[in-house]
């Protein structure tokens, strides 16, 4: 995937908007960080927890990795060329649901749990 493809999928979710974080394109919902393009071909993706991130790292090391900089934070680095659109959608929706405001969830047809 390219960042433009990722952006297109993500912007279809209520409340998601374009931003710039550390000089690179990023996406947020309700002012909360979701993801950014760290460098061409490399995505920084927020995860619900470090435990969930660690499961991804173990299960799919060809797709996910981290550097020492991210070790203490719930972020995972994603190799975009290996990322499939449906896989991204699943990963993205998990964090979007966690960060979205009640009005965004309602606009998506969801109720706060």
C-alpha atoms as a PDB file:
ATOM      1  CA  UNK A   1       0.000   0.000   0.000  1.00  0.00           C
ATOM      2  CA  UNK A   2       0.964   3.625  -0.367  1.00  0.00           C
ATOM      3  CA  UNK A   3       0.291   6.344   2.161  1.00  0.00           C
ATOM      4  CA  UNK A   4      -2.277   7.807  -0.235  1.00  0.00           C
ATOM      5  CA  UNK A   5      -4.185   4.492  -0.209  1.00  0.00           C
ATOM      6  CA  UNK A   6      -3.973   4.320   3.590  1.00  0.00           C
ATOM      7  CA  UNK A   7      -5.152   7.907   3.833  1.00  0.00           C
ATOM      8  CA  UNK A   8      -8.112   7.238   1.516  1.00  0.00           C
ATOM      9  CA  UNK A   9      -9.321   4.320   3.649  1.00  0.00           C
ATOM     10  CA  UNK A  10      -8.797   6.164   6.938  1.00  0.00           C
ATOM     11  CA  UNK A  11     -10.514   9.387   5.852  1.00  0.00           C
ATOM     12  CA  UNK A  12     -13.697   7.404   5.177  1.00  0.00           C
ATOM     13  CA  UNK A  13     -14.076   7.017   8.957  1.00  0.00           C
ATOM     14  CA  UNK A  14     -15.970   9.830  10.724  1.00  0.00           C
ATOM     15  CA  UNK A  15     -13.820  12.462  12.382  1.00  0.00           C
ATOM     16  CA  UNK A  16     -10.508  11.423  10.800  1.00  0.00           C
ATOM     17  CA  UNK A  17      -8.513  14.371   9.513  1.00  0.00           C
ATOM     18  CA  UNK A  18      -5.159  15.170   7.946  1.00  0.00           C
ATOM     19  CA  UNK A  19      -2.356  16.576  10.081  1.00  0.00           C
ATOM     20  CA  UNK A  20       1.408  16.902  10.073  1.00  0.00           C
ATOM     21  CA  UNK A  21       3.368  15.243  12.877  1.00  0.00           C
ATOM     22  CA  UNK A  22       7.147  15.602  13.114  1.00  0.00           C
ATOM     23  CA  UNK A  23       7.100  17.026   9.597  1.00  0.00           C
ATOM     24  CA  UNK A  24       5.358  14.037   8.026  1.00  0.00           C
ATOM     25  CA  UNK A  25       1.737  13.390   7.012  1.00  0.00           C
ATOM     26  CA  UNK A  26      -0.390  12.002   9.820  1.00  0.00           C
ATOM     27  CA  UNK A  27      -4.014  11.237  10.629  1.00  0.00           C
ATOM     28  CA  UNK A  28      -5.909  12.004  13.815  1.00  0.00           C
ATOM     29  CA  UNK A  29      -9.440  11.644  15.136  1.00  0.00           C
ATOM     30  CA  UNK A  30     -10.765  14.225  17.577  1.00  0.00           C
ATOM     31  CA  UNK A  31      -7.222  15.588  17.865  1.00  0.00           C
ATOM     32  CA  UNK A  32      -5.867  12.171  18.897  1.00  0.00           C
ATOM     33  CA  UNK A  33      -3.000  10.601  16.968  1.00  0.00           C
ATOM     34  CA  UNK A  34      -3.730   7.485  14.918  1.00  0.00           C
ATOM     35  CA  UNK A  35      -0.852   7.087  12.469  1.00  0.00           C
ATOM     36  CA  UNK A  36       1.828   8.842  10.450  1.00  0.00           C
ATOM     37  CA  UNK A  37       4.139   8.173   7.558  1.00  0.00           C
ATOM     38  CA  UNK A  38       7.514   8.054   9.282  1.00  0.00           C
ATOM     39  CA  UNK A  39       9.333   7.908   5.964  1.00  0.00           C
ATOM     40  CA  UNK A  40       8.380   6.680   2.491  1.00  0.00           C
ATOM     41  CA  UNK A  41       7.135   3.112   2.787  1.00  0.00           C
ATOM     42  CA  UNK A  42       7.089   3.104   6.595  1.00  0.00           C
ATOM     43  CA  UNK A  43       4.020   3.703   8.742  1.00  0.00           C
ATOM     44  CA  UNK A  44       3.881   4.431  12.486  1.00  0.00           C
ATOM     45  CA  UNK A  45       0.591   2.988  13.716  1.00  0.00           C
ATOM     46  CA  UNK A  46      -0.923   3.498  17.174  1.00  0.00           C
ATOM     47  CA  UNK A  47      -2.029   0.291  18.903  1.00  0.00           C
ATOM     48  CA  UNK A  48      -4.396  -0.177  21.879  1.00  0.00           C
ATOM     49  CA  UNK A  49      -1.598  -1.497  24.096  1.00  0.00           C
ATOM     50  CA  UNK A  50       2.010  -2.640  24.081  1.00  0.00           C
ATOM     51  CA  UNK A  51       0.772  -6.197  24.658  1.00  0.00           C
ATOM     52  CA  UNK A  52      -1.315  -6.100  21.484  1.00  0.00           C
ATOM     53  CA  UNK A  53       1.627  -4.556  19.630  1.00  0.00           C
ATOM     54  CA  UNK A  54       3.933  -7.314  20.871  1.00  0.00           C
ATOM     55  CA  UNK A  55       1.517  -9.966  19.601  1.00  0.00           C
ATOM     56  CA  UNK A  56       1.652  -8.385  16.142  1.00  0.00           C
ATOM     57  CA  UNK A  57       5.453  -8.292  16.253  1.00  0.00           C
ATOM     58  CA  UNK A  58       5.614 -11.968  17.136  1.00  0.00           C
ATOM     59  CA  UNK A  59       2.960 -13.134  14.681  1.00  0.00           C
ATOM     60  CA  UNK A  60       4.009 -11.136  11.609  1.00  0.00           C
ATOM     61  CA  UNK A  61       7.641  -9.963  11.797  1.00  0.00           C
ATOM     62  CA  UNK A  62       7.754  -9.548   8.015  1.00  0.00           C
ATOM     63  CA  UNK A  63       5.093  -6.822   8.300  1.00  0.00           C
ATOM     64  CA  UNK A  64       5.614  -5.277  11.750  1.00  0.00           C
ATOM     65  CA  UNK A  65       8.660  -4.165  13.709  1.00  0.00           C
ATOM     66  CA  UNK A  66       9.788  -1.515  16.186  1.00  0.00           C
ATOM     67  CA  UNK A  67      12.955   0.377  16.959  1.00  0.00           C
ATOM     68  CA  UNK A  68      14.292   1.137  20.423  1.00  0.00           C
ATOM     69  CA  UNK A  69      12.614   4.556  20.185  1.00  0.00           C
ATOM     70  CA  UNK A  70       9.140   2.918  20.191  1.00  0.00           C
ATOM     71  CA  UNK A  71       9.855   0.102  22.661  1.00  0.00           C
ATOM     72  CA  UNK A  72       8.089   1.782  25.616  1.00  0.00           C
ATOM     73  CA  UNK A  73       5.114   3.051  23.608  1.00  0.00           C
ATOM     74  CA  UNK A  74       2.065   1.375  22.033  1.00  0.00           C
ATOM     75  CA  UNK A  75       3.202   1.984  18.445  1.00  0.00           C
ATOM     76  CA  UNK A  76       4.211  -0.421  15.740  1.00  0.00           C
ATOM     77  CA  UNK A  77       6.118   0.254  12.533  1.00  0.00           C
ATOM     78  CA  UNK A  78       4.530  -1.209   9.411  1.00  0.00           C
ATOM     79  CA  UNK A  79       6.166  -1.999   6.083  1.00  0.00           C
ATOM     80  CA  UNK A  80       3.549  -0.496   3.768  1.00  0.00           C
ATOM     81  CA  UNK A  81       4.592  -2.515   0.701  1.00  0.00           C
ATOM     82  CA  UNK A  82       3.591  -5.690   2.566  1.00  0.00           C
ATOM     83  CA  UNK A  83       0.325  -4.310   3.950  1.00  0.00           C
ATOM     84  CA  UNK A  84      -2.933  -5.401   2.325  1.00  0.00           C
ATOM     85  CA  UNK A  85      -5.932  -3.014   2.335  1.00  0.00           C
ATOM     86  CA  UNK A  86      -8.204  -5.337   4.345  1.00  0.00           C
ATOM     87  CA  UNK A  87      -5.472  -5.933   6.918  1.00  0.00           C
ATOM     88  CA  UNK A  88      -4.963  -2.193   7.256  1.00  0.00           C
ATOM     89  CA  UNK A  89      -8.705  -1.610   7.607  1.00  0.00           C
ATOM     90  CA  UNK A  90      -8.865  -4.108  10.489  1.00  0.00           C
ATOM     91  CA  UNK A  91      -5.847  -2.600  12.259  1.00  0.00           C
ATOM     92  CA  UNK A  92      -7.063   0.935  11.710  1.00  0.00           C
ATOM     93  CA  UNK A  93     -10.622   0.367  12.850  1.00  0.00           C
ATOM     94  CA  UNK A  94      -9.426  -1.074  16.159  1.00  0.00           C
ATOM     95  CA  UNK A  95      -7.555   2.079  17.090  1.00  0.00           C
ATOM     96  CA  UNK A  96     -10.125   4.405  15.509  1.00  0.00           C
ATOM     97  CA  UNK A  97     -12.876   2.874  17.694  1.00  0.00           C
ATOM     98  CA  UNK A  98     -10.662   3.350  20.747  1.00  0.00           C
ATOM     99  CA  UNK A  99      -9.904   7.021  20.004  1.00  0.00           C
ATOM    100  CA  UNK A 100     -13.079   8.249  18.266  1.00  0.00           C
ATOM    101  CA  UNK A 101     -15.503  10.552  20.013  1.00  0.00           C
ATOM    102  CA  UNK A 102     -19.049   9.371  20.725  1.00  0.00           C
ATOM    103  CA  UNK A 103     -20.368  11.451  17.813  1.00  0.00           C
ATOM    104  CA  UNK A 104     -17.903   9.758  15.429  1.00  0.00           C
ATOM    105  CA  UNK A 105     -18.933   6.306  16.610  1.00  0.00           C
ATOM    106  CA  UNK A 106     -22.603   7.237  16.211  1.00  0.00           C
ATOM    107  CA  UNK A 107     -21.949   8.522  12.677  1.00  0.00           C
ATOM    108  CA  UNK A 108     -20.391   5.152  11.889  1.00  0.00           C
ATOM    109  CA  UNK A 109     -23.444   3.361  13.285  1.00  0.00           C
ATOM    110  CA  UNK A 110     -21.761   2.275  16.498  1.00  0.00           C
ATOM    111  CA  UNK A 111     -22.655   2.941  20.081  1.00  0.00           C
ATOM    112  CA  UNK A 112     -20.063   3.455  22.777  1.00  0.00           C
ATOM    113  CA  UNK A 113     -19.301   0.213  24.606  1.00  0.00           C
END
